[in-house]
């Protein structure tokens, strides 16, 4: 299954990330594909980047189209995220 999450950052940037929970990859807005992990029942995604691991922490578990949550990252980014598609 693929879930698309639209991230709206506090700095005004917006981007969609597609998470594939079969291949365990995250496709970033620039097309880069990175491995990620998720612990069932948690509110965190861990994306492996070239510079290490970035954790995305959500205030709520979001898994259905239209659901939204505030988020923050271990890289210091914050904003709101919304599930925009599931395939």
PDB file of N, CA and C in Angstrom:
ATOM      1  N   UNK A   1       0.844  -1.172   0.000  1.00  0.00           N
ATOM      2  CA  UNK A   1       0.000   0.000   0.000  1.00  0.00           C
ATOM      3  C   UNK A   1       0.891   1.238   0.000  1.00  0.00           C
ATOM      4  N   UNK A   2       0.454   2.261  -0.691  1.00  0.00           N
ATOM      5  CA  UNK A   2       1.159   3.538  -0.703  1.00  0.00           C
ATOM      6  C   UNK A   2       0.251   4.598  -0.101  1.00  0.00           C
ATOM      7  N   UNK A   3       0.831   5.394   0.794  1.00  0.00           N
ATOM      8  CA  UNK A   3       0.092   6.478   1.421  1.00  0.00           C
ATOM      9  C   UNK A   3       0.838   7.778   1.126  1.00  0.00           C
ATOM     10  N   UNK A   4       0.111   8.768   0.613  1.00  0.00           N
ATOM     11  CA  UNK A   4       0.706  10.060   0.301  1.00  0.00           C
ATOM     12  C   UNK A   4       0.348  11.038   1.402  1.00  0.00           C
ATOM     13  N   UNK A   5       1.377  11.673   1.951  1.00  0.00           N
ATOM     14  CA  UNK A   5       1.175  12.658   3.003  1.00  0.00           C
ATOM     15  C   UNK A   5       1.660  14.010   2.490  1.00  0.00           C
ATOM     16  N   UNK A   6       0.775  15.002   2.559  1.00  0.00           N
ATOM     17  CA  UNK A   6       1.118  16.366   2.186  1.00  0.00           C
ATOM     18  C   UNK A   6       1.615  17.076   3.436  1.00  0.00           C
ATOM     19  N   UNK A   7       2.868  17.517   3.383  1.00  0.00           N
ATOM     20  CA  UNK A   7       3.479  18.249   4.486  1.00  0.00           C
ATOM     21  C   UNK A   7       3.400  19.739   4.200  1.00  0.00           C
ATOM     22  N   UNK A   8       2.866  20.480   5.145  1.00  0.00           N
ATOM     23  CA  UNK A   8       2.840  21.945   5.074  1.00  0.00           C
ATOM     24  C   UNK A   8       3.704  22.444   6.227  1.00  0.00           C
ATOM     25  N   UNK A   9       4.887  22.934   5.869  1.00  0.00           N
ATOM     26  CA  UNK A   9       5.871  23.345   6.863  1.00  0.00           C
ATOM     27  C   UNK A   9       5.567  24.749   7.372  1.00  0.00           C
ATOM     28  N   UNK A  10       5.969  25.018   8.597  1.00  0.00           N
ATOM     29  CA  UNK A  10       5.768  26.336   9.202  1.00  0.00           C
ATOM     30  C   UNK A  10       6.414  27.462   8.394  1.00  0.00           C
ATOM     31  N   UNK A  11       7.456  27.136   7.613  1.00  0.00           N
ATOM     32  CA  UNK A  11       8.136  28.162   6.813  1.00  0.00           C
ATOM     33  C   UNK A  11       7.429  28.448   5.484  1.00  0.00           C
ATOM     34  N   UNK A  12       6.286  27.765   5.228  1.00  0.00           N
ATOM     35  CA  UNK A  12       5.515  27.976   4.012  1.00  0.00           C
ATOM     36  C   UNK A  12       5.753  26.948   2.922  1.00  0.00           C
ATOM     37  N   UNK A  13       6.788  26.122   3.047  1.00  0.00           N
ATOM     38  CA  UNK A  13       7.033  25.074   2.057  1.00  0.00           C
ATOM     39  C   UNK A  13       5.941  24.009   2.151  1.00  0.00           C
ATOM     40  N   UNK A  14       5.623  23.411   0.998  1.00  0.00           N
ATOM     41  CA  UNK A  14       4.635  22.335   0.925  1.00  0.00           C
ATOM     42  C   UNK A  14       5.212  21.237   0.042  1.00  0.00           C
ATOM     43  N   UNK A  15       5.023  19.995   0.428  1.00  0.00           N
ATOM     44  CA  UNK A  15       5.503  18.889  -0.389  1.00  0.00           C
ATOM     45  C   UNK A  15       4.825  17.594  -0.024  1.00  0.00           C
ATOM     46  N   UNK A  16       4.666  16.732  -1.034  1.00  0.00           N
ATOM     47  CA  UNK A  16       4.073  15.416  -0.841  1.00  0.00           C
ATOM     48  C   UNK A  16       5.165  14.360  -0.728  1.00  0.00           C
ATOM     49  N   UNK A  17       5.013  13.461   0.225  1.00  0.00           N
ATOM     50  CA  UNK A  17       5.900  12.311   0.356  1.00  0.00           C
ATOM     51  C   UNK A  17       5.030  11.065   0.240  1.00  0.00           C
ATOM     52  N   UNK A  18       5.464  10.124  -0.611  1.00  0.00           N
ATOM     53  CA  UNK A  18       4.735   8.869  -0.799  1.00  0.00           C
ATOM     54  C   UNK A  18       5.475   7.774  -0.044  1.00  0.00           C
ATOM     55  N   UNK A  19       4.787   7.182   0.925  1.00  0.00           N
ATOM     56  CA  UNK A  19       5.344   6.091   1.717  1.00  0.00           C
ATOM     57  C   UNK A  19       4.788   4.776   1.189  1.00  0.00           C
ATOM     58  N   UNK A  20       5.671   3.855   0.812  1.00  0.00           N
ATOM     59  CA  UNK A  20       5.290   2.540   0.299  1.00  0.00           C
ATOM     60  C   UNK A  20       5.602   1.525   1.390  1.00  0.00           C
ATOM     61  N   UNK A  21       4.540   0.961   2.005  1.00  0.00           N
ATOM     62  CA  UNK A  21       4.784   0.044   3.118  1.00  0.00           C
ATOM     63  C   UNK A  21       4.979  -1.398   2.667  1.00  0.00           C
ATOM     64  N   UNK A  22       5.146  -1.621   1.371  1.00  0.00           N
ATOM     65  CA  UNK A  22       5.557  -2.928   0.862  1.00  0.00           C
ATOM     66  C   UNK A  22       7.066  -2.904   0.610  1.00  0.00           C
ATOM     67  N   UNK A  23       7.526  -1.872  -0.103  1.00  0.00           N
ATOM     68  CA  UNK A  23       8.958  -1.718  -0.390  1.00  0.00           C
ATOM     69  C   UNK A  23       9.694  -1.013   0.744  1.00  0.00           C
ATOM     70  N   UNK A  24       8.953  -0.405   1.684  1.00  0.00           N
ATOM     71  CA  UNK A  24       9.501   0.382   2.781  1.00  0.00           C
ATOM     72  C   UNK A  24      10.415   1.490   2.259  1.00  0.00           C
ATOM     73  N   UNK A  25       9.851   2.253   1.299  1.00  0.00           N
ATOM     74  CA  UNK A  25      10.552   3.405   0.747  1.00  0.00           C
ATOM     75  C   UNK A  25       9.678   4.644   0.866  1.00  0.00           C
ATOM     76  N   UNK A  26      10.341   5.787   0.956  1.00  0.00           N
ATOM     77  CA  UNK A  26       9.674   7.088   0.969  1.00  0.00           C
ATOM     78  C   UNK A  26      10.158   7.845  -0.261  1.00  0.00           C
ATOM     79  N   UNK A  27       9.216   8.270  -1.116  1.00  0.00           N
ATOM     80  CA  UNK A  27       9.569   9.054  -2.297  1.00  0.00           C
ATOM     81  C   UNK A  27       9.326  10.517  -1.963  1.00  0.00           C
ATOM     82  N   UNK A  28      10.403  11.297  -1.945  1.00  0.00           N
ATOM     83  CA  UNK A  28      10.349  12.707  -1.570  1.00  0.00           C
ATOM     84  C   UNK A  28       9.862  13.568  -2.732  1.00  0.00           C
ATOM     85  N   UNK A  29       9.488  14.826  -2.465  1.00  0.00           N
ATOM     86  CA  UNK A  29       9.000  15.704  -3.532  1.00  0.00           C
ATOM     87  C   UNK A  29       9.981  15.867  -4.698  1.00  0.00           C
ATOM     88  N   UNK A  30      11.284  15.750  -4.434  1.00  0.00           N
ATOM     89  CA  UNK A  30      12.276  15.890  -5.508  1.00  0.00           C
ATOM     90  C   UNK A  30      12.515  14.587  -6.266  1.00  0.00           C
ATOM     91  N   UNK A  31      11.757  13.523  -5.927  1.00  0.00           N
ATOM     92  CA  UNK A  31      11.880  12.242  -6.603  1.00  0.00           C
ATOM     93  C   UNK A  31      12.864  11.283  -5.963  1.00  0.00           C
ATOM     94  N   UNK A  32      13.602  11.735  -4.990  1.00  0.00           N
ATOM     95  CA  UNK A  32      14.559  10.873  -4.301  1.00  0.00           C
ATOM     96  C   UNK A  32      13.803   9.807  -3.512  1.00  0.00           C
ATOM     97  N   UNK A  33      14.296   8.565  -3.585  1.00  0.00           N
ATOM     98  CA  UNK A  33      13.666   7.443  -2.895  1.00  0.00           C
ATOM     99  C   UNK A  33      14.602   6.990  -1.776  1.00  0.00           C
ATOM    100  N   UNK A  34      14.071   6.985  -0.550  1.00  0.00           N
ATOM    101  CA  UNK A  34      14.857   6.630   0.626  1.00  0.00           C
ATOM    102  C   UNK A  34      14.148   5.542   1.431  1.00  0.00           C
ATOM    103  N   UNK A  35      14.894   4.674   2.092  1.00  0.00           N
ATOM    104  CA  UNK A  35      14.264   3.679   2.962  1.00  0.00           C
ATOM    105  C   UNK A  35      13.714   4.341   4.225  1.00  0.00           C
ATOM    106  N   UNK A  36      12.633   3.768   4.752  1.00  0.00           N
ATOM    107  CA  UNK A  36      12.073   4.271   6.007  1.00  0.00           C
ATOM    108  C   UNK A  36      11.574   3.099   6.833  1.00  0.00           C
ATOM    109  N   UNK A  37      11.315   3.368   8.109  1.00  0.00           N
ATOM    110  CA  UNK A  37      10.750   2.353   8.995  1.00  0.00           C
ATOM    111  C   UNK A  37       9.675   2.985   9.857  1.00  0.00           C
ATOM    112  N   UNK A  38       8.796   2.142  10.358  1.00  0.00           N
ATOM    113  CA  UNK A  38       7.679   2.564  11.209  1.00  0.00           C
ATOM    114  C   UNK A  38       7.429   1.456  12.216  1.00  0.00           C
ATOM    115  N   UNK A  39       7.287   1.822  13.473  1.00  0.00           N
ATOM    116  CA  UNK A  39       6.942   0.845  14.499  1.00  0.00           C
ATOM    117  C   UNK A  39       5.430   0.891  14.676  1.00  0.00           C
ATOM    118  N   UNK A  40       4.766  -0.220  14.418  1.00  0.00           N
ATOM    119  CA  UNK A  40       3.304  -0.290  14.475  1.00  0.00           C
ATOM    120  C   UNK A  40       2.788   0.283  15.791  1.00  0.00           C
ATOM    121  N   UNK A  41       1.813   1.179  15.680  1.00  0.00           N
ATOM    122  CA  UNK A  41       1.208   1.793  16.852  1.00  0.00           C
ATOM    123  C   UNK A  41       1.931   3.032  17.352  1.00  0.00           C
ATOM    124  N   UNK A  42       3.093   3.320  16.791  1.00  0.00           N
ATOM    125  CA  UNK A  42       3.819   4.517  17.215  1.00  0.00           C
ATOM    126  C   UNK A  42       3.342   5.717  16.400  1.00  0.00           C
ATOM    127  N   UNK A  43       3.901   6.860  16.683  1.00  0.00           N
ATOM    128  CA  UNK A  43       3.590   8.084  15.946  1.00  0.00           C
ATOM    129  C   UNK A  43       4.827   8.607  15.220  1.00  0.00           C
ATOM    130  N   UNK A  44       5.812   7.731  14.990  1.00  0.00           N
ATOM    131  CA  UNK A  44       7.079   8.130  14.384  1.00  0.00           C
ATOM    132  C   UNK A  44       7.388   7.341  13.118  1.00  0.00           C
ATOM    133  N   UNK A  45       7.940   8.051  12.127  1.00  0.00           N
ATOM    134  CA  UNK A  45       8.534   7.433  10.945  1.00  0.00           C
ATOM    135  C   UNK A  45      10.014   7.773  10.976  1.00  0.00           C
ATOM    136  N   UNK A  46      10.852   6.817  10.643  1.00  0.00           N
ATOM    137  CA  UNK A  46      12.295   7.055  10.609  1.00  0.00           C
ATOM    138  C   UNK A  46      12.758   6.882   9.168  1.00  0.00           C
ATOM    139  N   UNK A  47      13.255   7.978   8.575  1.00  0.00           N
ATOM    140  CA  UNK A  47      13.702   7.968   7.183  1.00  0.00           C
ATOM    141  C   UNK A  47      15.221   8.002   7.169  1.00  0.00           C
ATOM    142  N   UNK A  48      15.811   7.052   6.444  1.00  0.00           N
ATOM    143  CA  UNK A  48      17.261   6.992   6.328  1.00  0.00           C
ATOM    144  C   UNK A  48      17.700   7.899   5.185  1.00  0.00           C
ATOM    145  N   UNK A  49      18.442   8.954   5.521  1.00  0.00           N
ATOM    146  CA  UNK A  49      18.921   9.901   4.525  1.00  0.00           C
ATOM    147  C   UNK A  49      20.418   9.710   4.325  1.00  0.00           C
ATOM    148  N   UNK A  50      20.962  10.419   3.363  1.00  0.00           N
ATOM    149  CA  UNK A  50      22.399  10.329   3.118  1.00  0.00           C
ATOM    150  C   UNK A  50      23.200  10.764   4.343  1.00  0.00           C
ATOM    151  N   UNK A  51      22.634  11.690   5.116  1.00  0.00           N
ATOM    152  CA  UNK A  51      23.333  12.210   6.282  1.00  0.00           C
ATOM    153  C   UNK A  51      22.994  11.517   7.581  1.00  0.00           C
ATOM    154  N   UNK A  52      22.215  10.457   7.541  1.00  0.00           N
ATOM    155  CA  UNK A  52      21.812   9.756   8.755  1.00  0.00           C
ATOM    156  C   UNK A  52      20.331   9.490   8.768  1.00  0.00           C
ATOM    157  N   UNK A  53      19.756   9.406   9.938  1.00  0.00           N
ATOM    158  CA  UNK A  53      18.339   9.098  10.086  1.00  0.00           C
ATOM    159  C   UNK A  53      17.586  10.335  10.566  1.00  0.00           C
ATOM    160  N   UNK A  54      16.436  10.603   9.934  1.00  0.00           N
ATOM    161  CA  UNK A  54      15.570  11.698  10.355  1.00  0.00           C
ATOM    162  C   UNK A  54      14.268  11.086  10.856  1.00  0.00           C
ATOM    163  N   UNK A  55      13.865  11.461  12.061  1.00  0.00           N
ATOM    164  CA  UNK A  55      12.606  10.979  12.625  1.00  0.00           C
ATOM    165  C   UNK A  55      11.533  12.037  12.421  1.00  0.00           C
ATOM    166  N   UNK A  56      10.393  11.606  11.889  1.00  0.00           N
ATOM    167  CA  UNK A  56       9.220  12.470  11.757  1.00  0.00           C
ATOM    168  C   UNK A  56       8.230  12.013  12.822  1.00  0.00           C
ATOM    169  N   UNK A  57       7.903  12.897  13.756  1.00  0.00           N
ATOM    170  CA  UNK A  57       6.991  12.571  14.857  1.00  0.00           C
ATOM    171  C   UNK A  57       5.675  13.306  14.659  1.00  0.00           C
ATOM    172  N   UNK A  58       4.588  12.562  14.683  1.00  0.00           N
ATOM    173  CA  UNK A  58       3.247  13.110  14.516  1.00  0.00           C
ATOM    174  C   UNK A  58       2.564  13.207  15.878  1.00  0.00           C
ATOM    175  N   UNK A  59       1.674  14.182  16.050  1.00  0.00           N
ATOM    176  CA  UNK A  59       0.931  14.275  17.304  1.00  0.00           C
ATOM    177  C   UNK A  59      -0.215  13.271  17.341  1.00  0.00           C
ATOM    178  N   UNK A  60      -0.683  12.845  16.175  1.00  0.00           N
ATOM    179  CA  UNK A  60      -1.760  11.855  16.051  1.00  0.00           C
ATOM    180  C   UNK A  60      -1.361  10.827  15.002  1.00  0.00           C
ATOM    181  N   UNK A  61      -1.853   9.608  15.126  1.00  0.00           N
ATOM    182  CA  UNK A  61      -1.668   8.610  14.079  1.00  0.00           C
ATOM    183  C   UNK A  61      -2.643   8.948  12.956  1.00  0.00           C
ATOM    184  N   UNK A  62      -2.119   9.095  11.740  1.00  0.00           N
ATOM    185  CA  UNK A  62      -2.973   9.397  10.590  1.00  0.00           C
ATOM    186  C   UNK A  62      -2.826   8.267   9.573  1.00  0.00           C
ATOM    187  N   UNK A  63      -3.946   7.682   9.169  1.00  0.00           N
ATOM    188  CA  UNK A  63      -3.885   6.546   8.250  1.00  0.00           C
ATOM    189  C   UNK A  63      -5.032   6.515   7.252  1.00  0.00           C
ATOM    190  N   UNK A  64      -5.898   7.512   7.287  1.00  0.00           N
ATOM    191  CA  UNK A  64      -7.037   7.588   6.371  1.00  0.00           C
ATOM    192  C   UNK A  64      -6.998   8.914   5.622  1.00  0.00           C
ATOM    193  N   UNK A  65      -7.467   8.910   4.368  1.00  0.00           N
ATOM    194  CA  UNK A  65      -7.501  10.131   3.566  1.00  0.00           C
ATOM    195  C   UNK A  65      -8.261  11.219   4.315  1.00  0.00           C
ATOM    196  N   UNK A  66      -7.655  12.396   4.383  1.00  0.00           N
ATOM    197  CA  UNK A  66      -8.262  13.534   5.052  1.00  0.00           C
ATOM    198  C   UNK A  66      -7.809  13.732   6.488  1.00  0.00           C
ATOM    199  N   UNK A  67      -7.281  12.693   7.112  1.00  0.00           N
ATOM    200  CA  UNK A  67      -6.804  12.848   8.482  1.00  0.00           C
ATOM    201  C   UNK A  67      -5.569  13.736   8.505  1.00  0.00           C
ATOM    202  N   UNK A  68      -5.447  14.541   9.561  1.00  0.00           N
ATOM    203  CA  UNK A  68      -4.330  15.484   9.662  1.00  0.00           C
ATOM    204  C   UNK A  68      -3.730  15.437  11.057  1.00  0.00           C
ATOM    205  N   UNK A  69      -2.492  15.907  11.139  1.00  0.00           N
ATOM    206  CA  UNK A  69      -1.771  15.931  12.404  1.00  0.00           C
ATOM    207  C   UNK A  69      -0.664  16.967  12.324  1.00  0.00           C
ATOM    208  N   UNK A  70      -0.350  17.559  13.463  1.00  0.00           N
ATOM    209  CA  UNK A  70       0.869  18.358  13.553  1.00  0.00           C
ATOM    210  C   UNK A  70       2.046  17.387  13.515  1.00  0.00           C
ATOM    211  N   UNK A  71       3.195  17.869  13.033  1.00  0.00           N
ATOM    212  CA  UNK A  71       4.391  17.033  13.016  1.00  0.00           C
ATOM    213  C   UNK A  71       5.618  17.877  13.350  1.00  0.00           C
ATOM    214  N   UNK A  72       6.664  17.180  13.745  1.00  0.00           N
ATOM    215  CA  UNK A  72       7.981  17.794  13.914  1.00  0.00           C
ATOM    216  C   UNK A  72       9.014  16.757  13.496  1.00  0.00           C
ATOM    217  N   UNK A  73      10.198  17.221  13.127  1.00  0.00           N
ATOM    218  CA  UNK A  73      11.253  16.300  12.728  1.00  0.00           C
ATOM    219  C   UNK A  73      12.467  16.483  13.621  1.00  0.00           C
ATOM    220  N   UNK A  74      13.298  15.467  13.638  1.00  0.00           N
ATOM    221  CA  UNK A  74      14.536  15.544  14.401  1.00  0.00           C
ATOM    222  C   UNK A  74      15.512  16.539  13.770  1.00  0.00           C
ATOM    223  N   UNK A  75      15.191  17.020  12.554  1.00  0.00           N
ATOM    224  CA  UNK A  75      16.010  18.038  11.880  1.00  0.00           C
ATOM    225  C   UNK A  75      15.515  19.450  12.196  1.00  0.00           C
ATOM    226  N   UNK A  76      14.489  19.565  13.069  1.00  0.00           N
ATOM    227  CA  UNK A  76      14.012  20.869  13.508  1.00  0.00           C
ATOM    228  C   UNK A  76      12.873  21.466  12.708  1.00  0.00           C
ATOM    229  N   UNK A  77      12.292  20.710  11.787  1.00  0.00           N
ATOM    230  CA  UNK A  77      11.172  21.210  10.998  1.00  0.00           C
ATOM    231  C   UNK A  77       9.861  20.917  11.725  1.00  0.00           C
ATOM    232  N   UNK A  78       8.861  21.781  11.500  1.00  0.00           N
ATOM    233  CA  UNK A  78       7.534  21.604  12.103  1.00  0.00           C
ATOM    234  C   UNK A  78       6.467  22.019  11.105  1.00  0.00           C
ATOM    235  N   UNK A  79       5.240  21.577  11.368  1.00  0.00           N
ATOM    236  CA  UNK A  79       4.126  21.982  10.524  1.00  0.00           C
ATOM    237  C   UNK A  79       2.940  21.053  10.703  1.00  0.00           C
ATOM    238  N   UNK A  80       2.156  20.953   9.638  1.00  0.00           N
ATOM    239  CA  UNK A  80       0.982  20.085   9.630  1.00  0.00           C
ATOM    240  C   UNK A  80       1.079  19.112   8.469  1.00  0.00           C
ATOM    241  N   UNK A  81       0.546  17.930   8.679  1.00  0.00           N
ATOM    242  CA  UNK A  81       0.568  16.888   7.656  1.00  0.00           C
ATOM    243  C   UNK A  81      -0.851  16.357   7.477  1.00  0.00           C
ATOM    244  N   UNK A  82      -1.183  16.012   6.229  1.00  0.00           N
ATOM    245  CA  UNK A  82      -2.514  15.479   5.921  1.00  0.00           C
ATOM    246  C   UNK A  82      -2.368  14.325   4.929  1.00  0.00           C
ATOM    247  N   UNK A  83      -3.098  13.237   5.171  1.00  0.00           N
ATOM    248  CA  UNK A  83      -3.118  12.130   4.218  1.00  0.00           C
ATOM    249  C   UNK A  83      -3.944  12.589   3.017  1.00  0.00           C
ATOM    250  N   UNK A  84      -3.307  12.605   1.832  1.00  0.00           N
ATOM    251  CA  UNK A  84      -4.006  13.074   0.642  1.00  0.00           C
ATOM    252  C   UNK A  84      -4.400  11.946  -0.302  1.00  0.00           C
ATOM    253  N   UNK A  85      -3.775  10.772  -0.166  1.00  0.00           N
ATOM    254  CA  UNK A  85      -4.138   9.647  -1.044  1.00  0.00           C
ATOM    255  C   UNK A  85      -3.642   8.332  -0.444  1.00  0.00           C
ATOM    256  N   UNK A  86      -4.372   7.278  -0.770  1.00  0.00           N
ATOM    257  CA  UNK A  86      -3.967   5.924  -0.420  1.00  0.00           C
ATOM    258  C   UNK A  86      -4.205   5.061  -1.653  1.00  0.00           C
ATOM    259  N   UNK A  87      -3.189   4.285  -2.037  1.00  0.00           N
ATOM    260  CA  UNK A  87      -3.326   3.425  -3.208  1.00  0.00           C
ATOM    261  C   UNK A  87      -2.796   2.034  -2.909  1.00  0.00           C
TER     262      UNK A  87
END
